[in-house]
Structures are given as C-alpha cells and as structure tokens.
C-alpha atoms as a PDB file:
ATOM      1  CA  MET A   1     129.100-108.391 -79.588  1.00  0.00           C
ATOM      2  CA  PHE A   2     131.015-111.597 -81.179  1.00  0.00           C
ATOM      3  CA  ASP A   3     128.436-113.736 -79.562  1.00  0.00           C
ATOM      4  CA  LYS A   4     125.737-111.870 -81.599  1.00  0.00           C
ATOM      5  CA  VAL A   5     127.754-112.554 -84.761  1.00  0.00           C
ATOM      6  CA  LYS A   6     128.164-116.212 -83.717  1.00  0.00           C
ATOM      7  CA  GLN A   7     124.389-116.699 -83.079  1.00  0.00           C
ATOM      8  CA  ALA A   8     123.769-115.126 -86.246  1.00  0.00           C
ATOM      9  CA  GLY A   9     125.963-117.360 -88.146  1.00  0.00           C
ATOM     10  CA  GLU A  10     124.702-120.307 -85.834  1.00  0.00           C
ATOM     11  CA  LEU A  11     121.034-119.378 -86.943  1.00  0.00           C
ATOM     12  CA  PHE A  12     122.103-119.184 -90.649  1.00  0.00           C
ATOM     13  CA  LYS A  13     123.552-122.634 -90.656  1.00  0.00           C
ATOM     14  CA  MET A  14     120.420-124.220 -88.754  1.00  0.00           C
ATOM     15  CA  ARG A  15     118.296-122.472 -91.393  1.00  0.00           C
ATOM     16  CA  GLN A  16     120.498-123.895 -93.933  1.00  0.00           C
ATOM     17  CA  GLN A  17     120.059-127.412 -92.643  1.00  0.00           C
ATOM     18  CA  ALA A  18     116.471-127.241 -92.158  1.00  0.00           C
ATOM     19  CA  MET A  19     115.971-126.324 -95.904  1.00  0.00           C
ATOM     20  CA  ALA A  20     118.157-129.080 -97.025  1.00  0.00           C
ATOM     21  CA  LEU A  21     116.177-131.520 -94.813  1.00  0.00           C
ATOM     22  CA  GLN A  22     112.834-130.264 -96.137  1.00  0.00           C
ATOM     23  CA  LYS A  23     114.083-130.822 -99.804  1.00  0.00           C
ATOM     24  CA  GLN A  24     115.079-134.044 -98.840  1.00  0.00           C
ATOM     25  CA  LEU A  25     111.774-134.904 -97.525  1.00  0.00           C
ATOM     26  CA  ALA A  26     109.893-133.513-100.627  1.00  0.00           C
ATOM     27  CA  GLU A  27     111.563-136.146-102.661  1.00  0.00           C
ATOM     28  CA  ILE A  28     110.288-139.013-100.331  1.00  0.00           C
ATOM     29  CA  THR A  29     106.729-140.377-101.649  1.00  0.00           C
ATOM     30  CA  GLU A  30     104.044-142.668-100.560  1.00  0.00           C
ATOM     31  CA  THR A  31     101.206-143.738-102.851  1.00  0.00           C
ATOM     32  CA  TYR A  32      98.304-145.525-101.017  1.00  0.00           C
ATOM     33  CA  GLU A  33      95.783-147.354-103.066  1.00  0.00           C
ATOM     34  CA  ARG A  34      92.099-148.395-102.074  1.00  0.00           C
ATOM     35  CA  ASP A  35      88.483-148.970-103.589  1.00  0.00           C
ATOM     36  CA  GLY A  36      89.525-146.881-106.815  1.00  0.00           C
ATOM     37  CA  ILE A  37      91.231-144.211-105.074  1.00  0.00           C
ATOM     38  CA  LYS A  38      94.846-143.644-105.335  1.00  0.00           C
ATOM     39  CA  VAL A  39      96.877-140.784-103.331  1.00  0.00           C
ATOM     40  CA  THR A  40     100.550-139.772-103.431  1.00  0.00           C
ATOM     41  CA  VAL A  41     101.885-137.683-100.758  1.00  0.00           C
ATOM     42  CA  SER A  42     105.236-136.227-100.021  1.00  0.00           C
ATOM     43  CA  GLY A  43     107.453-136.490 -97.010  1.00  0.00           C
ATOM     44  CA  ASP A  44     107.000-132.853 -96.502  1.00  0.00           C
ATOM     45  CA  GLN A  45     103.368-133.456 -95.836  1.00  0.00           C
ATOM     46  CA  LYS A  46     101.980-132.490 -99.179  1.00  0.00           C
ATOM     47  CA  VAL A  47      99.357-134.336-101.491  1.00  0.00           C
ATOM     48  CA  ILE A  48     101.112-134.814-104.915  1.00  0.00           C
ATOM     49  CA  ARG A  49      98.341-136.511-106.865  1.00  0.00           C
ATOM     50  CA  ILE A  50      94.739-137.994-106.045  1.00  0.00           C
ATOM     51  CA  GLU A  51      92.959-140.220-108.696  1.00  0.00           C
ATOM     52  CA  THR A  52      89.576-141.388-108.410  1.00  0.00           C
ATOM     53  CA  ASP A  53      88.619-144.322-110.641  1.00  0.00           C
ATOM     54  CA  GLY A  54      91.503-143.702-113.007  1.00  0.00           C
ATOM     55  CA  GLU A  55      90.955-139.657-113.039  1.00  0.00           C
ATOM     56  CA  GLU A  56      93.229-137.385-111.718  1.00  0.00           C
ATOM     57  CA  ARG A  57      91.658-134.966-109.227  1.00  0.00           C
ATOM     58  CA  LYS A  58      93.807-131.480-109.297  1.00  0.00           C
ATOM     59  CA  ASP A  59      91.060-129.896-107.493  1.00  0.00           C
ATOM     60  CA  LEU A  60      91.176-132.112-104.470  1.00  0.00           C
ATOM     61  CA  VAL A  61      94.705-131.773-104.385  1.00  0.00           C
ATOM     62  CA  GLU A  62      95.007-128.215-104.422  1.00  0.00           C
ATOM     63  CA  ALA A  63      91.974-128.093-101.745  1.00  0.00           C
ATOM     64  CA  ILE A  64      93.887-130.226 -99.177  1.00  0.00           C
ATOM     65  CA  ASN A  65      97.143-128.677 -99.509  1.00  0.00           C
ATOM     66  CA  SER A  66      95.482-125.180 -99.059  1.00  0.00           C
ATOM     67  CA  ALA A  67      93.976-126.556 -95.941  1.00  0.00           C
ATOM     68  CA  LEU A  68      97.301-127.927 -94.748  1.00  0.00           C
ATOM     69  CA  LYS A  69      98.901-124.659 -95.189  1.00  0.00           C
ATOM     70  CA  GLU A  70      96.361-122.775 -93.478  1.00  0.00           C
ATOM     71  CA  VAL A  71      96.285-125.031 -90.455  1.00  0.00           C
ATOM     72  CA  GLN A  72     100.498-125.126 -90.406  1.00  0.00           C
ATOM     73  CA  LYS A  73     100.070-121.033 -89.967  1.00  0.00           C
ATOM     74  CA  LYS A  74      97.647-121.411 -87.541  1.00  0.00           C
ATOM     75  CA  SER A  75      99.794-124.002 -85.296  1.00  0.00           C
ATOM     76  CA  ALA A  76     102.736-122.051 -85.998  1.00  0.00           C
ATOM     77  CA  LYS A  77     101.149-118.869 -84.534  1.00  0.00           C
ATOM     78  CA  LYS A  78      99.684-120.832 -81.758  1.00  0.00           C
ATOM     79  CA  MET A  79     103.159-121.815 -80.854  1.00  0.00           C
ATOM     80  CA  MET A  80     104.876-118.526 -81.028  1.00  0.00           C
ATOM     81  CA  GLU A  81     101.965-117.290 -78.609  1.00  0.00           C
ATOM     82  CA  MET A  82     102.700-120.165 -76.273  1.00  0.00           C
ATOM     83  CA  GLY A  83     106.536-119.356 -75.995  1.00  0.00           C
ATOM     84  CA  GLY A  84     107.321-122.026 -78.507  1.00  0.00           C
ATOM     85  CA  GLY A  85     108.403-121.915 -82.112  1.00  0.00           C
ATOM     86  CA  LEU A  86     112.032-121.339 -82.760  1.00  0.00           C
ATOM     87  CA  SER A  87     112.266-118.547 -80.740  1.00  0.00           C
ATOM     88  CA  GLY A  88     111.415-120.701 -77.772  1.00  0.00           C
ATOM     89  CA  MET A  89     113.614-123.822 -78.508  1.00  0.00           C
ATOM     90  CA  LEU A  90     116.441-121.277 -78.654  1.00  0.00           C
ATOM     91  CA  LYS A  91     115.772-119.283 -75.303  1.00  0.00           C
ATOM     92  CA  GLY A  92     118.816-121.068 -73.727  1.00  0.00           C
ATOM     93  CA  PHE A  93     121.022-120.780 -77.122  1.00  0.00           C
ATOM     94  CA  GLY A  94     124.538-119.027 -76.530  1.00  0.00           C
ATOM     95  CA  SER A  95     123.915-118.913 -72.625  1.00  0.00           C
ATOM     96  CA  GLY A  96     126.308-121.929 -72.257  1.00  0.00           C
ATOM     97  CA  ILE A  97     123.620-124.426 -71.298  1.00  0.00           C
END
C-alpha cells in the first residue's frame, strides 16, 4: 500500500515538473522573417503571431494552432494504443528497475 502512495507522490512530482517545464518553454520565442512574412513561435510549439506585409493574421495563427492541437491529440492516442505514452514509460516504475 505504501508503494502505491509513494508512486502517486512521484507521479504528482513528475507532473509538477512537466508543468513547470512547459511554462518555461512557453516563454522561449523565436521570430523568423522572410519575403514580407514574419512568424513568431514559442518553445512549446505554438504560433504566437503571423504578419504578412505588416498585417497581423490572427486567422492563420488560430488555424495553425488548431491543426497542431488536433495532430497532438491523434499522436498521443496512437502512442497509447502502441503501449507508449506516460503509462508505457512508467511500466517499470516502482519495480526496482
């Protein structure tokens, strides 16, 4: 029973660390500009801003981020089906390996 409590505590700690890392990644940005197009993205793989010839294109930002979100969901589902994801990574967790 104590192993389960310990595992739950470790999983909570890992989740907190992952959330902190995601927050740090969101603060990283990179802007690329070429041929009148300027794109700014964040380290957590989100498009922040798109400009074409100086005009902001929020519609493109929303469309790209929506597509990325959907493909991430599908990828996560596929990983779970293949025994991957967090559960696959933690198969040996707590078994002394």
